[in-house]
Amino acid sequence: MDMKLEVVVVPVSDVDTAKDFYTRLGWRLDADVAGDENFRVVQVTPPGSPASVIFGASVTSQTPGSAQGLHLIVDDINAAHDELKRLGAEPSEVFHDAGGVFHHAGTEARVPGPAPQRTSYGSFLSFSDPDGNGWLLQEITNRLPGRLDPATATFTSSEDLASALRRAAAAHGEHEARIGAEDPNWPDWYAQYMVSERTGTELPT
């Protein structure tokens, strides 16, 4: 049976302040419903995300600001940093972990700059909402095998697709240099590269 993560509940102290913050980041406002004066549900969705975030009044017993380690996946950590900064989210600088696998809690073992060779899964940045709920962005450009089904690979936005095309173009240039000729079947090569990169299957050579 499929079990799809659909919603994450984030505890906030002021619903309108949180709503203004997340919608300013470009997160889609899906709902703002008040059942009575003590109950309110706001749902927002990060761009390209299949899962949404809910906050409000009387929707959780968690202490405002206690949600930590919430992860958002991007394919360009530097571009994400610049966008968050422009939108007023005050992100950290891009970092990677000294251990090289995921990251430590808090700010322990952070090494400035992206992962060496921009290894997929290895580069991060963090930011917090007005209550201190902690978010991390993780750069993933090439999935580990078995994480996604090639038959259902998708690109969630025009920016996501454009980034994948740019990486495919760079790799295809290396491919043509190796074979010493122009590749007339480049559309097929691009398509195979982009789906393979997205799903963690073997890349074309």
C-alpha atoms as a PDB file:
ATOM      1  CA  MET A   1       0.000   0.000   0.000  1.00  0.00           C
ATOM      2  CA  ASP A   2       1.356   3.431  -0.950  1.00  0.00           C
ATOM      3  CA  MET A   3       1.832   5.798   1.979  1.00  0.00           C
ATOM      4  CA  LYS A   4       2.547   9.273   0.652  1.00  0.00           C
ATOM      5  CA  LEU A   5       3.726  12.057   2.926  1.00  0.00           C
ATOM      6  CA  GLU A   6       1.146  14.744   2.281  1.00  0.00           C
ATOM      7  CA  VAL A   7       1.312  17.320   5.081  1.00  0.00           C
ATOM      8  CA  VAL A   8       3.797  18.554   7.690  1.00  0.00           C
ATOM      9  CA  VAL A   9       2.387  20.535  10.623  1.00  0.00           C
ATOM     10  CA  VAL A  10       4.518  23.459  11.828  1.00  0.00           C
ATOM     11  CA  PRO A  11       3.816  25.121  15.216  1.00  0.00           C
ATOM     12  CA  VAL A  12       3.606  28.927  15.108  1.00  0.00           C
ATOM     13  CA  SER A  13       2.695  31.638  17.623  1.00  0.00           C
ATOM     14  CA  ASP A  14       1.122  34.138  15.227  1.00  0.00           C
ATOM     15  CA  VAL A  15      -0.760  32.731  12.266  1.00  0.00           C
ATOM     16  CA  ASP A  16      -0.784  35.891  10.164  1.00  0.00           C
ATOM     17  CA  THR A  17       2.933  36.503  10.654  1.00  0.00           C
ATOM     18  CA  ALA A  18       3.681  32.946   9.562  1.00  0.00           C
ATOM     19  CA  LYS A  19       1.314  33.231   6.612  1.00  0.00           C
ATOM     20  CA  ASP A  20       2.982  36.445   5.453  1.00  0.00           C
ATOM     21  CA  PHE A  21       6.440  34.881   5.781  1.00  0.00           C
ATOM     22  CA  TYR A  22       5.749  31.698   3.832  1.00  0.00           C
ATOM     23  CA  THR A  23       3.693  33.300   1.084  1.00  0.00           C
ATOM     24  CA  ARG A  24       6.416  35.946   0.662  1.00  0.00           C
ATOM     25  CA  LEU A  25       8.761  33.069  -0.164  1.00  0.00           C
ATOM     26  CA  GLY A  26       6.456  32.152  -3.034  1.00  0.00           C
ATOM     27  CA  TRP A  27       4.769  29.231  -1.320  1.00  0.00           C
ATOM     28  CA  ARG A  28       1.291  28.662  -2.707  1.00  0.00           C
ATOM     29  CA  LEU A  29      -1.579  29.496  -0.350  1.00  0.00           C
ATOM     30  CA  ASP A  30      -3.930  26.514  -0.534  1.00  0.00           C
ATOM     31  CA  ALA A  31      -6.304  27.267   2.321  1.00  0.00           C
ATOM     32  CA  ASP A  32      -7.028  29.644   5.175  1.00  0.00           C
ATOM     33  CA  VAL A  33     -10.046  28.348   7.037  1.00  0.00           C
ATOM     34  CA  ALA A  34     -11.347  29.333  10.481  1.00  0.00           C
ATOM     35  CA  GLY A  35     -13.711  26.958  12.242  1.00  0.00           C
ATOM     36  CA  ASP A  36     -14.303  29.308  15.168  1.00  0.00           C
ATOM     37  CA  GLU A  37     -12.378  32.003  17.017  1.00  0.00           C
ATOM     38  CA  ASN A  38     -10.003  29.418  18.505  1.00  0.00           C
ATOM     39  CA  PHE A  39      -9.419  27.229  15.460  1.00  0.00           C
ATOM     40  CA  ARG A  40      -7.777  28.175  12.176  1.00  0.00           C
ATOM     41  CA  VAL A  41      -5.995  26.141   9.513  1.00  0.00           C
ATOM     42  CA  VAL A  42      -3.603  27.610   6.945  1.00  0.00           C
ATOM     43  CA  GLN A  43      -2.044  25.377   4.304  1.00  0.00           C
ATOM     44  CA  VAL A  44       0.840  26.414   2.046  1.00  0.00           C
ATOM     45  CA  THR A  45       2.899  24.433  -0.450  1.00  0.00           C
ATOM     46  CA  PRO A  46       6.540  25.079  -1.414  1.00  0.00           C
ATOM     47  CA  PRO A  47       7.065  25.490  -5.182  1.00  0.00           C
ATOM     48  CA  GLY A  48       7.243  22.108  -6.885  1.00  0.00           C
ATOM     49  CA  SER A  49       6.559  20.154  -3.682  1.00  0.00           C
ATOM     50  CA  PRO A  50       4.064  17.245  -3.563  1.00  0.00           C
ATOM     51  CA  ALA A  51       3.732  17.778   0.207  1.00  0.00           C
ATOM     52  CA  SER A  52       2.247  20.795   1.955  1.00  0.00           C
ATOM     53  CA  VAL A  53       2.723  22.611   5.263  1.00  0.00           C
ATOM     54  CA  ILE A  54      -0.069  23.361   7.711  1.00  0.00           C
ATOM     55  CA  PHE A  55      -0.004  25.813  10.607  1.00  0.00           C
ATOM     56  CA  GLY A  56      -2.665  27.702  12.465  1.00  0.00           C
ATOM     57  CA  ALA A  57      -4.471  27.935  15.779  1.00  0.00           C
ATOM     58  CA  SER A  58      -5.244  24.778  17.765  1.00  0.00           C
ATOM     59  CA  VAL A  59      -3.795  22.489  15.098  1.00  0.00           C
ATOM     60  CA  THR A  60      -0.849  21.181  17.160  1.00  0.00           C
ATOM     61  CA  SER A  61       0.268  20.989  20.781  1.00  0.00           C
ATOM     62  CA  GLN A  62       3.914  21.492  19.828  1.00  0.00           C
ATOM     63  CA  THR A  63       5.703  24.573  21.128  1.00  0.00           C
ATOM     64  CA  PRO A  64       6.008  27.301  18.468  1.00  0.00           C
ATOM     65  CA  GLY A  65       9.446  27.118  16.883  1.00  0.00           C
ATOM     66  CA  SER A  66      10.080  23.520  17.975  1.00  0.00           C
ATOM     67  CA  ALA A  67       9.940  22.013  14.471  1.00  0.00           C
ATOM     68  CA  GLN A  68      13.508  21.463  13.326  1.00  0.00           C
ATOM     69  CA  GLY A  69      15.264  19.660  10.499  1.00  0.00           C
ATOM     70  CA  LEU A  70      12.535  20.186   7.901  1.00  0.00           C
ATOM     71  CA  HIS A  71      14.134  19.534   4.516  1.00  0.00           C
ATOM     72  CA  LEU A  72      13.457  21.053   1.115  1.00  0.00           C
ATOM     73  CA  ILE A  73      15.210  19.667  -1.961  1.00  0.00           C
ATOM     74  CA  VAL A  74      16.677  21.923  -4.655  1.00  0.00           C
ATOM     75  CA  ASP A  75      18.858  21.303  -7.679  1.00  0.00           C
ATOM     76  CA  ASP A  76      20.916  24.497  -7.380  1.00  0.00           C
ATOM     77  CA  ILE A  77      21.859  25.422  -3.816  1.00  0.00           C
ATOM     78  CA  ASN A  78      23.528  28.709  -4.762  1.00  0.00           C
ATOM     79  CA  ALA A  79      20.533  29.922  -6.755  1.00  0.00           C
ATOM     80  CA  ALA A  80      18.257  28.890  -3.877  1.00  0.00           C
ATOM     81  CA  HIS A  81      20.402  30.878  -1.438  1.00  0.00           C
ATOM     82  CA  ASP A  82      20.192  33.994  -3.590  1.00  0.00           C
ATOM     83  CA  GLU A  83      16.431  33.675  -3.992  1.00  0.00           C
ATOM     84  CA  LEU A  84      15.791  33.182  -0.272  1.00  0.00           C
ATOM     85  CA  LYS A  85      17.996  36.155   0.550  1.00  0.00           C
ATOM     86  CA  ARG A  86      16.177  38.313  -1.984  1.00  0.00           C
ATOM     87  CA  LEU A  87      12.845  37.320  -0.441  1.00  0.00           C
ATOM     88  CA  GLY A  88      13.963  38.162   3.080  1.00  0.00           C
ATOM     89  CA  ALA A  89      14.368  34.701   4.596  1.00  0.00           C
ATOM     90  CA  GLU A  90      17.926  35.391   5.872  1.00  0.00           C
ATOM     91  CA  PRO A  91      19.434  32.028   4.856  1.00  0.00           C
ATOM     92  CA  SER A  92      22.746  30.752   6.137  1.00  0.00           C
ATOM     93  CA  GLU A  93      25.662  30.509   3.793  1.00  0.00           C
ATOM     94  CA  VAL A  94      25.922  27.286   1.800  1.00  0.00           C
ATOM     95  CA  PHE A  95      27.745  24.564   3.729  1.00  0.00           C
ATOM     96  CA  HIS A  96      28.619  20.890   3.695  1.00  0.00           C
ATOM     97  CA  ASP A  97      29.179  18.558   6.619  1.00  0.00           C
ATOM     98  CA  ALA A  98      32.616  17.594   7.915  1.00  0.00           C
ATOM     99  CA  GLY A  99      31.494  13.968   8.096  1.00  0.00           C
ATOM    100  CA  GLY A 100      30.412  13.915   4.477  1.00  0.00           C
ATOM    101  CA  VAL A 101      27.173  12.056   5.148  1.00  0.00           C
ATOM    102  CA  PHE A 102      23.991  14.089   5.658  1.00  0.00           C
ATOM    103  CA  HIS A 103      24.660  16.726   8.347  1.00  0.00           C
ATOM    104  CA  HIS A 104      24.990  17.060  12.101  1.00  0.00           C
ATOM    105  CA  ALA A 105      22.278  18.634  14.243  1.00  0.00           C
ATOM    106  CA  GLY A 106      22.396  22.379  14.709  1.00  0.00           C
ATOM    107  CA  THR A 107      25.473  24.090  13.348  1.00  0.00           C
ATOM    108  CA  GLU A 108      27.994  21.495  14.508  1.00  0.00           C
ATOM    109  CA  ALA A 109      30.533  20.305  11.919  1.00  0.00           C
ATOM    110  CA  ARG A 110      29.443  22.747   9.221  1.00  0.00           C
ATOM    111  CA  VAL A 111      32.144  23.419   6.642  1.00  0.00           C
ATOM    112  CA  PRO A 112      31.697  26.593   4.555  1.00  0.00           C
ATOM    113  CA  GLY A 113      30.917  26.144   0.889  1.00  0.00           C
ATOM    114  CA  PRO A 114      29.219  23.425  -1.139  1.00  0.00           C
ATOM    115  CA  ALA A 115      30.337  19.800  -1.046  1.00  0.00           C
ATOM    116  CA  PRO A 116      33.575  19.027  -2.893  1.00  0.00           C
ATOM    117  CA  GLN A 117      32.834  18.525  -6.614  1.00  0.00           C
ATOM    118  CA  ARG A 118      29.241  19.571  -5.757  1.00  0.00           C
ATOM    119  CA  THR A 119      28.448  15.950  -4.894  1.00  0.00           C
ATOM    120  CA  SER A 120      24.716  15.302  -5.016  1.00  0.00           C
ATOM    121  CA  TYR A 121      23.116  15.181  -1.533  1.00  0.00           C
ATOM    122  CA  GLY A 122      26.126  16.942   0.018  1.00  0.00           C
ATOM    123  CA  SER A 123      25.375  20.707  -0.001  1.00  0.00           C
ATOM    124  CA  PHE A 124      23.039  22.498   2.390  1.00  0.00           C
ATOM    125  CA  LEU A 125      21.827  25.816   3.715  1.00  0.00           C
ATOM    126  CA  SER A 126      19.443  26.657   6.535  1.00  0.00           C
ATOM    127  CA  PHE A 127      16.845  29.273   7.394  1.00  0.00           C
ATOM    128  CA  SER A 128      14.173  29.765  10.030  1.00  0.00           C
ATOM    129  CA  ASP A 129      10.667  31.170  10.069  1.00  0.00           C
ATOM    130  CA  PRO A 130       9.734  33.994  12.483  1.00  0.00           C
ATOM    131  CA  ASP A 131       9.138  31.485  15.311  1.00  0.00           C
ATOM    132  CA  GLY A 132      12.437  29.692  14.779  1.00  0.00           C
ATOM    133  CA  ASN A 133      11.111  26.591  13.059  1.00  0.00           C
ATOM    134  CA  GLY A 134      14.188  25.339  11.247  1.00  0.00           C
ATOM    135  CA  TRP A 135      14.368  24.493   7.556  1.00  0.00           C
ATOM    136  CA  LEU A 136      17.269  23.081   5.566  1.00  0.00           C
ATOM    137  CA  LEU A 137      17.739  23.057   1.827  1.00  0.00           C
ATOM    138  CA  GLN A 138      19.649  20.113   0.371  1.00  0.00           C
ATOM    139  CA  GLU A 139      21.028  20.045  -3.171  1.00  0.00           C
ATOM    140  CA  ILE A 140      20.211  16.863  -5.074  1.00  0.00           C
ATOM    141  CA  THR A 141      21.060  16.666  -8.765  1.00  0.00           C
ATOM    142  CA  ASN A 142      21.619  12.937  -9.212  1.00  0.00           C
ATOM    143  CA  ARG A 143      19.463  10.498  -7.257  1.00  0.00           C
ATOM    144  CA  LEU A 144      20.853   7.327  -5.759  1.00  0.00           C
ATOM    145  CA  PRO A 145      19.647   4.168  -7.558  1.00  0.00           C
ATOM    146  CA  GLY A 146      16.174   2.950  -6.748  1.00  0.00           C
ATOM    147  CA  ARG A 147      14.889   6.215  -5.283  1.00  0.00           C
ATOM    148  CA  LEU A 148      12.574   7.006  -8.183  1.00  0.00           C
ATOM    149  CA  ASP A 149      10.866   4.970 -10.886  1.00  0.00           C
ATOM    150  CA  PRO A 150      12.171   5.971 -14.355  1.00  0.00           C
ATOM    151  CA  ALA A 151       8.677   5.435 -15.752  1.00  0.00           C
ATOM    152  CA  THR A 152       7.312   8.202 -13.513  1.00  0.00           C
ATOM    153  CA  ALA A 153      10.188  10.707 -13.590  1.00  0.00           C
ATOM    154  CA  THR A 154       8.881  14.273 -13.608  1.00  0.00           C
ATOM    155  CA  PHE A 155      10.163  17.839 -13.622  1.00  0.00           C
ATOM    156  CA  THR A 156       8.127  20.017 -11.343  1.00  0.00           C
ATOM    157  CA  SER A 157       8.651  23.456 -12.882  1.00  0.00           C
ATOM    158  CA  SER A 158      10.114  25.228 -15.888  1.00  0.00           C
ATOM    159  CA  GLU A 159      13.115  26.207 -13.740  1.00  0.00           C
ATOM    160  CA  ASP A 160      13.635  22.573 -12.698  1.00  0.00           C
ATOM    161  CA  LEU A 161      13.482  21.443 -16.326  1.00  0.00           C
ATOM    162  CA  ALA A 162      15.806  24.231 -17.481  1.00  0.00           C
ATOM    163  CA  SER A 163      18.406  23.270 -14.861  1.00  0.00           C
ATOM    164  CA  ALA A 164      18.247  19.640 -15.981  1.00  0.00           C
ATOM    165  CA  LEU A 165      18.641  20.709 -19.616  1.00  0.00           C
ATOM    166  CA  ARG A 166      21.712  22.788 -18.775  1.00  0.00           C
ATOM    167  CA  ARG A 167      23.374  19.856 -17.004  1.00  0.00           C
ATOM    168  CA  ALA A 168      22.488  17.548 -19.895  1.00  0.00           C
ATOM    169  CA  ALA A 169      23.941  20.055 -22.364  1.00  0.00           C
ATOM    170  CA  ALA A 170      27.220  20.222 -20.451  1.00  0.00           C
ATOM    171  CA  ALA A 171      27.442  16.422 -20.247  1.00  0.00           C
ATOM    172  CA  HIS A 172      26.540  16.067 -23.926  1.00  0.00           C
ATOM    173  CA  GLY A 173      29.352  18.444 -24.869  1.00  0.00           C
ATOM    174  CA  GLU A 174      31.765  16.107 -23.074  1.00  0.00           C
ATOM    175  CA  HIS A 175      30.139  13.158 -24.867  1.00  0.00           C
ATOM    176  CA  GLU A 176      30.695  14.748 -28.304  1.00  0.00           C
ATOM    177  CA  ALA A 177      34.302  15.548 -27.363  1.00  0.00           C
ATOM    178  CA  ARG A 178      34.840  11.882 -26.515  1.00  0.00           C
ATOM    179  CA  ILE A 179      33.371  10.572 -29.765  1.00  0.00           C
ATOM    180  CA  GLY A 180      35.030  13.317 -31.830  1.00  0.00           C
ATOM    181  CA  ALA A 181      31.903  14.146 -33.792  1.00  0.00           C
ATOM    182  CA  GLU A 182      28.535  15.828 -33.567  1.00  0.00           C
ATOM    183  CA  ASP A 183      25.796  13.574 -32.223  1.00  0.00           C
ATOM    184  CA  PRO A 184      22.729  13.756 -34.502  1.00  0.00           C
ATOM    185  CA  ASN A 185      20.675  11.854 -31.914  1.00  0.00           C
ATOM    186  CA  TRP A 186      21.236  14.467 -29.209  1.00  0.00           C
ATOM    187  CA  PRO A 187      17.512  14.749 -28.291  1.00  0.00           C
ATOM    188  CA  ASP A 188      17.435  11.050 -27.357  1.00  0.00           C
ATOM    189  CA  TRP A 189      20.744  11.419 -25.465  1.00  0.00           C
ATOM    190  CA  TYR A 190      19.449  14.462 -23.561  1.00  0.00           C
ATOM    191  CA  ALA A 191      16.234  12.643 -22.637  1.00  0.00           C
ATOM    192  CA  GLN A 192      18.074   9.549 -21.439  1.00  0.00           C
ATOM    193  CA  TYR A 193      20.542  11.643 -19.436  1.00  0.00           C
ATOM    194  CA  MET A 194      17.854  13.743 -17.758  1.00  0.00           C
ATOM    195  CA  VAL A 195      15.697  10.774 -16.757  1.00  0.00           C
ATOM    196  CA  SER A 196      18.728   8.768 -15.600  1.00  0.00           C
ATOM    197  CA  GLU A 197      20.023  11.669 -13.514  1.00  0.00           C
ATOM    198  CA  ARG A 198      16.601  12.238 -11.967  1.00  0.00           C
ATOM    199  CA  THR A 199      16.063   8.579 -11.054  1.00  0.00           C
ATOM    200  CA  GLY A 200      19.584   7.453 -10.168  1.00  0.00           C
ATOM    201  CA  THR A 201      19.988   4.981 -13.028  1.00  0.00           C
ATOM    202  CA  GLU A 202      23.150   4.647 -15.142  1.00  0.00           C
ATOM    203  CA  LEU A 203      23.964   7.785 -17.112  1.00  0.00           C
ATOM    204  CA  PRO A 204      24.656   7.558 -20.854  1.00  0.00           C
ATOM    205  CA  THR A 205      28.284   7.884 -21.892  1.00  0.00           C
END
